[in-house]
C-alpha cells in the first residue's frame, strides 16, 4: 500500500458517499461507520475496507490494481460494507 495514502478517502456524489478504509498497525474496523451527518438525507453510505493478501505462506499489501479492482467491484455491488483482500488473521499482515 502507498505509504503516502491517507487512512480514509471519501468520494462524494449527490446521493452516495463511499469511504476507503485502511490501517497498518491494527485491524481496520469492519463495522459500518456512523452516518449521523447523513441522517435524514437521501444518501447511501458504503465502506470499503482494504486488507492484505496471503500467498505461499507469505503476506503482502494489496497492489494498486487489486485495490482499484476491489473498490470498483465493491461500489458496483452496492453492499454497505465490502472487504478487499483478507483481514484475518491480522497477526499475518505485512
N, C-alpha and C. Protein backbone atom coordinates (compact mmCIF):
# COMPACT_ATOMS: atom_id res chain seq x y z
N UNK A 1 0.84 -1.16 0.00
CA UNK A 1 0.00 0.00 0.00
C UNK A 1 0.89 1.23 0.00
N UNK A 2 0.45 2.27 -0.66
CA UNK A 2 1.19 3.51 -0.79
C UNK A 2 1.32 4.15 0.59
N UNK A 3 2.54 4.40 1.06
CA UNK A 3 2.72 4.97 2.40
C UNK A 3 2.21 6.40 2.48
N UNK A 4 2.05 7.07 1.35
CA UNK A 4 1.54 8.44 1.35
C UNK A 4 0.02 8.49 1.33
N UNK A 5 -0.63 7.33 1.17
CA UNK A 5 -2.09 7.31 1.08
C UNK A 5 -2.70 7.60 2.44
N UNK A 6 -3.75 8.43 2.49
CA UNK A 6 -4.43 8.70 3.75
C UNK A 6 -5.19 7.46 4.21
N UNK A 7 -5.51 7.41 5.51
CA UNK A 7 -6.24 6.26 6.06
C UNK A 7 -7.69 6.23 5.60
N UNK A 8 -8.26 7.33 5.19
CA UNK A 8 -9.64 7.34 4.75
C UNK A 8 -9.81 8.36 3.63
N UNK A 9 -10.43 7.92 2.55
CA UNK A 9 -10.71 8.81 1.42
C UNK A 9 -12.20 8.72 1.16
N UNK A 10 -12.88 9.84 1.14
CA UNK A 10 -14.32 9.82 0.87
C UNK A 10 -14.58 10.38 -0.52
N UNK A 11 -15.36 9.65 -1.31
CA UNK A 11 -15.77 10.10 -2.64
C UNK A 11 -17.24 10.47 -2.56
N UNK A 12 -17.60 11.63 -3.05
CA UNK A 12 -18.97 12.11 -2.90
C UNK A 12 -19.64 12.30 -4.25
N UNK A 13 -20.88 11.86 -4.33
CA UNK A 13 -21.76 12.14 -5.44
C UNK A 13 -23.03 12.68 -4.82
N UNK A 14 -23.98 13.17 -5.60
CA UNK A 14 -25.19 13.74 -4.99
C UNK A 14 -25.96 12.78 -4.10
N UNK A 15 -25.85 11.45 -4.31
CA UNK A 15 -26.66 10.55 -3.50
C UNK A 15 -25.86 9.41 -2.87
N UNK A 16 -24.56 9.45 -2.97
CA UNK A 16 -23.76 8.34 -2.44
C UNK A 16 -22.45 8.82 -1.86
N UNK A 17 -22.09 8.25 -0.71
CA UNK A 17 -20.79 8.51 -0.09
C UNK A 17 -20.13 7.17 0.13
N UNK A 18 -18.88 7.03 -0.31
CA UNK A 18 -18.11 5.80 -0.08
C UNK A 18 -16.83 6.17 0.65
N UNK A 19 -16.46 5.36 1.64
CA UNK A 19 -15.20 5.56 2.36
C UNK A 19 -14.28 4.39 2.08
N UNK A 20 -13.02 4.68 1.87
CA UNK A 20 -12.00 3.68 1.67
C UNK A 20 -11.15 3.67 2.93
N UNK A 21 -11.15 2.54 3.65
CA UNK A 21 -10.52 2.47 4.96
C UNK A 21 -9.35 1.49 4.94
N UNK A 22 -8.24 1.91 5.56
CA UNK A 22 -7.08 1.03 5.68
C UNK A 22 -6.40 1.31 7.01
N UNK A 23 -5.56 0.37 7.45
CA UNK A 23 -4.87 0.53 8.71
C UNK A 23 -3.64 -0.35 8.70
N UNK A 24 -2.49 0.16 9.08
CA UNK A 24 -1.27 -0.64 9.09
C UNK A 24 -1.00 -1.31 10.43
N UNK A 25 -1.30 -0.65 11.52
CA UNK A 25 -0.89 -1.14 12.83
C UNK A 25 -1.95 -1.99 13.56
N UNK A 26 -3.20 -1.79 13.25
CA UNK A 26 -4.25 -2.58 13.89
C UNK A 26 -5.32 -2.85 12.86
N UNK A 27 -6.13 -3.89 13.06
CA UNK A 27 -7.13 -4.21 12.05
C UNK A 27 -8.12 -3.07 11.85
N UNK A 28 -8.43 -2.76 10.61
CA UNK A 28 -9.44 -1.73 10.37
C UNK A 28 -10.80 -2.21 10.85
N UNK A 29 -11.63 -1.29 11.22
CA UNK A 29 -12.97 -1.64 11.68
C UNK A 29 -13.78 -2.20 10.52
N UNK A 30 -14.50 -3.27 10.79
CA UNK A 30 -15.38 -3.83 9.77
C UNK A 30 -16.83 -3.55 10.11
N UNK A 31 -17.04 -2.61 11.03
CA UNK A 31 -18.40 -2.18 11.31
C UNK A 31 -18.68 -0.94 10.48
N UNK A 32 -19.91 -0.79 10.07
CA UNK A 32 -20.27 0.35 9.25
C UNK A 32 -20.09 1.63 10.06
N UNK A 33 -19.24 2.57 9.60
CA UNK A 33 -19.03 3.82 10.33
C UNK A 33 -20.33 4.61 10.48
N UNK A 34 -20.34 5.47 11.47
CA UNK A 34 -21.52 6.27 11.74
C UNK A 34 -21.88 7.17 10.56
N UNK A 35 -23.15 7.24 10.28
CA UNK A 35 -23.62 8.12 9.20
C UNK A 35 -24.50 9.22 9.78
N UNK A 36 -24.19 9.62 11.02
CA UNK A 36 -25.00 10.62 11.70
C UNK A 36 -25.17 11.88 10.85
N UNK A 37 -24.11 12.32 10.20
CA UNK A 37 -24.18 13.55 9.41
C UNK A 37 -25.15 13.41 8.24
N UNK A 38 -25.38 12.19 7.77
CA UNK A 38 -26.23 11.97 6.61
C UNK A 38 -27.67 11.61 6.99
N UNK A 39 -27.94 11.47 8.28
CA UNK A 39 -29.29 11.07 8.68
C UNK A 39 -30.31 12.10 8.20
N UNK A 40 -31.39 11.61 7.65
CA UNK A 40 -32.44 12.49 7.15
C UNK A 40 -32.22 12.94 5.72
N UNK A 41 -31.06 12.61 5.14
CA UNK A 41 -30.77 12.98 3.77
C UNK A 41 -30.83 11.73 2.89
N UNK A 42 -31.19 11.88 1.63
CA UNK A 42 -31.27 10.72 0.73
C UNK A 42 -29.88 10.30 0.23
N UNK A 43 -29.05 9.81 1.16
CA UNK A 43 -27.68 9.44 0.84
C UNK A 43 -27.46 7.98 1.19
N UNK A 44 -26.85 7.24 0.26
CA UNK A 44 -26.43 5.86 0.52
C UNK A 44 -24.97 5.90 0.95
N UNK A 45 -24.63 5.17 2.02
CA UNK A 45 -23.26 5.15 2.51
C UNK A 45 -22.70 3.75 2.36
N UNK A 46 -21.46 3.64 1.89
CA UNK A 46 -20.79 2.35 1.76
C UNK A 46 -19.35 2.48 2.26
N UNK A 47 -18.85 1.43 2.90
CA UNK A 47 -17.47 1.40 3.36
C UNK A 47 -16.74 0.27 2.64
N UNK A 48 -15.52 0.56 2.19
CA UNK A 48 -14.66 -0.43 1.56
C UNK A 48 -13.42 -0.53 2.43
N UNK A 49 -13.17 -1.71 3.00
CA UNK A 49 -12.04 -1.92 3.90
C UNK A 49 -10.94 -2.66 3.13
N UNK A 50 -9.73 -2.11 3.17
CA UNK A 50 -8.59 -2.72 2.49
C UNK A 50 -7.83 -3.64 3.44
N UNK A 51 -7.59 -4.85 3.00
CA UNK A 51 -6.84 -5.81 3.80
C UNK A 51 -5.50 -6.11 3.18
N UNK A 52 -5.13 -7.38 3.15
CA UNK A 52 -3.86 -7.82 2.60
C UNK A 52 -4.07 -9.17 1.92
N UNK A 53 -3.01 -9.70 1.30
CA UNK A 53 -3.08 -10.97 0.59
C UNK A 53 -2.06 -11.93 1.20
N UNK A 54 -2.46 -13.19 1.37
CA UNK A 54 -1.53 -14.23 1.80
C UNK A 54 -1.30 -15.16 0.61
N UNK A 55 -0.03 -15.32 0.23
CA UNK A 55 0.35 -16.17 -0.91
C UNK A 55 1.56 -17.01 -0.52
N UNK A 56 1.46 -18.30 -0.70
CA UNK A 56 2.60 -19.17 -0.45
C UNK A 56 3.19 -19.02 0.95
N UNK A 57 2.32 -18.81 1.95
CA UNK A 57 2.80 -18.68 3.32
C UNK A 57 3.35 -17.32 3.67
N UNK A 58 3.32 -16.37 2.74
CA UNK A 58 3.79 -15.00 2.99
C UNK A 58 2.65 -14.03 2.75
N UNK A 59 2.71 -12.91 3.40
CA UNK A 59 1.66 -11.91 3.20
C UNK A 59 2.24 -10.65 2.57
N UNK A 60 1.36 -9.90 1.91
CA UNK A 60 1.76 -8.63 1.30
C UNK A 60 0.54 -7.72 1.26
N UNK A 61 0.80 -6.43 1.14
CA UNK A 61 -0.30 -5.49 0.97
C UNK A 61 -0.87 -5.64 -0.44
N UNK A 62 -2.07 -5.20 -0.62
CA UNK A 62 -2.71 -5.23 -1.94
C UNK A 62 -1.95 -4.34 -2.92
N UNK A 63 -1.91 -4.77 -4.18
CA UNK A 63 -1.31 -3.95 -5.22
C UNK A 63 -2.29 -2.84 -5.60
N UNK A 64 -1.81 -1.83 -6.30
CA UNK A 64 -2.69 -0.76 -6.76
C UNK A 64 -3.82 -1.31 -7.63
N UNK A 65 -3.50 -2.27 -8.51
CA UNK A 65 -4.54 -2.86 -9.36
C UNK A 65 -5.57 -3.62 -8.54
N UNK A 66 -5.13 -4.37 -7.52
CA UNK A 66 -6.07 -5.09 -6.66
C UNK A 66 -6.96 -4.14 -5.89
N UNK A 67 -6.39 -3.04 -5.44
CA UNK A 67 -7.19 -2.04 -4.72
C UNK A 67 -8.24 -1.44 -5.65
N UNK A 68 -7.83 -0.98 -6.82
CA UNK A 68 -8.79 -0.33 -7.71
C UNK A 68 -9.85 -1.32 -8.20
N UNK A 69 -9.45 -2.55 -8.54
CA UNK A 69 -10.43 -3.55 -8.96
C UNK A 69 -11.42 -3.86 -7.83
N UNK A 70 -10.89 -3.99 -6.62
CA UNK A 70 -11.75 -4.29 -5.47
C UNK A 70 -12.70 -3.16 -5.14
N UNK A 71 -12.22 -1.93 -5.22
CA UNK A 71 -13.07 -0.77 -4.93
C UNK A 71 -14.17 -0.65 -5.99
N UNK A 72 -13.83 -0.80 -7.26
CA UNK A 72 -14.86 -0.76 -8.31
C UNK A 72 -15.90 -1.86 -8.10
N UNK A 73 -15.44 -3.08 -7.79
CA UNK A 73 -16.37 -4.19 -7.56
C UNK A 73 -17.26 -3.91 -6.36
N UNK A 74 -16.69 -3.33 -5.31
CA UNK A 74 -17.47 -3.02 -4.11
C UNK A 74 -18.55 -1.98 -4.42
N UNK A 75 -18.18 -0.95 -5.15
CA UNK A 75 -19.15 0.09 -5.49
C UNK A 75 -20.25 -0.48 -6.37
N UNK A 76 -19.88 -1.29 -7.36
CA UNK A 76 -20.87 -1.90 -8.24
C UNK A 76 -21.80 -2.84 -7.49
N UNK A 77 -21.30 -3.50 -6.44
CA UNK A 77 -22.13 -4.46 -5.70
C UNK A 77 -23.23 -3.76 -4.89
N UNK A 78 -22.98 -2.53 -4.50
CA UNK A 78 -23.97 -1.80 -3.71
C UNK A 78 -24.01 -2.23 -2.25
N UNK A 79 -23.08 -3.08 -1.82
CA UNK A 79 -23.05 -3.55 -0.43
C UNK A 79 -22.67 -2.40 0.51
N UNK A 80 -23.22 -2.40 1.70
CA UNK A 80 -22.91 -1.37 2.68
C UNK A 80 -21.49 -1.51 3.21
N UNK A 81 -20.95 -2.74 3.21
CA UNK A 81 -19.60 -2.99 3.68
C UNK A 81 -18.95 -4.03 2.79
N UNK A 82 -17.77 -3.73 2.27
CA UNK A 82 -17.01 -4.66 1.43
C UNK A 82 -15.58 -4.72 1.95
N UNK A 83 -14.99 -5.91 1.87
CA UNK A 83 -13.59 -6.10 2.26
C UNK A 83 -12.81 -6.56 1.04
N UNK A 84 -11.73 -5.85 0.73
CA UNK A 84 -10.87 -6.20 -0.40
C UNK A 84 -9.65 -6.90 0.20
N UNK A 85 -9.39 -8.13 -0.21
CA UNK A 85 -8.32 -8.92 0.38
C UNK A 85 -8.84 -9.64 1.61
N UNK A 86 -7.97 -9.85 2.59
CA UNK A 86 -8.36 -10.51 3.83
C UNK A 86 -7.90 -9.68 5.02
N UNK A 87 -8.57 -9.84 6.14
CA UNK A 87 -8.19 -9.16 7.38
C UNK A 87 -7.73 -10.14 8.44
N UNK A 88 -7.86 -11.43 8.15
CA UNK A 88 -7.56 -12.45 9.16
C UNK A 88 -6.62 -13.50 8.63
N UNK A 89 -5.75 -13.96 9.48
CA UNK A 89 -5.50 -13.43 10.81
C UNK A 89 -4.70 -12.14 10.73
N UNK A 90 -5.09 -11.13 11.49
CA UNK A 90 -4.41 -9.84 11.43
C UNK A 90 -2.94 -9.99 11.80
N UNK A 91 -2.62 -10.96 12.62
CA UNK A 91 -1.23 -11.19 13.02
C UNK A 91 -0.35 -11.56 11.82
N UNK A 92 -0.96 -11.94 10.69
CA UNK A 92 -0.20 -12.29 9.49
C UNK A 92 -0.02 -11.13 8.54
N UNK A 93 -0.55 -9.95 8.89
CA UNK A 93 -0.41 -8.82 7.96
C UNK A 93 1.07 -8.44 7.80
N UNK A 94 1.39 -7.85 6.64
CA UNK A 94 2.80 -7.50 6.37
C UNK A 94 3.37 -6.50 7.36
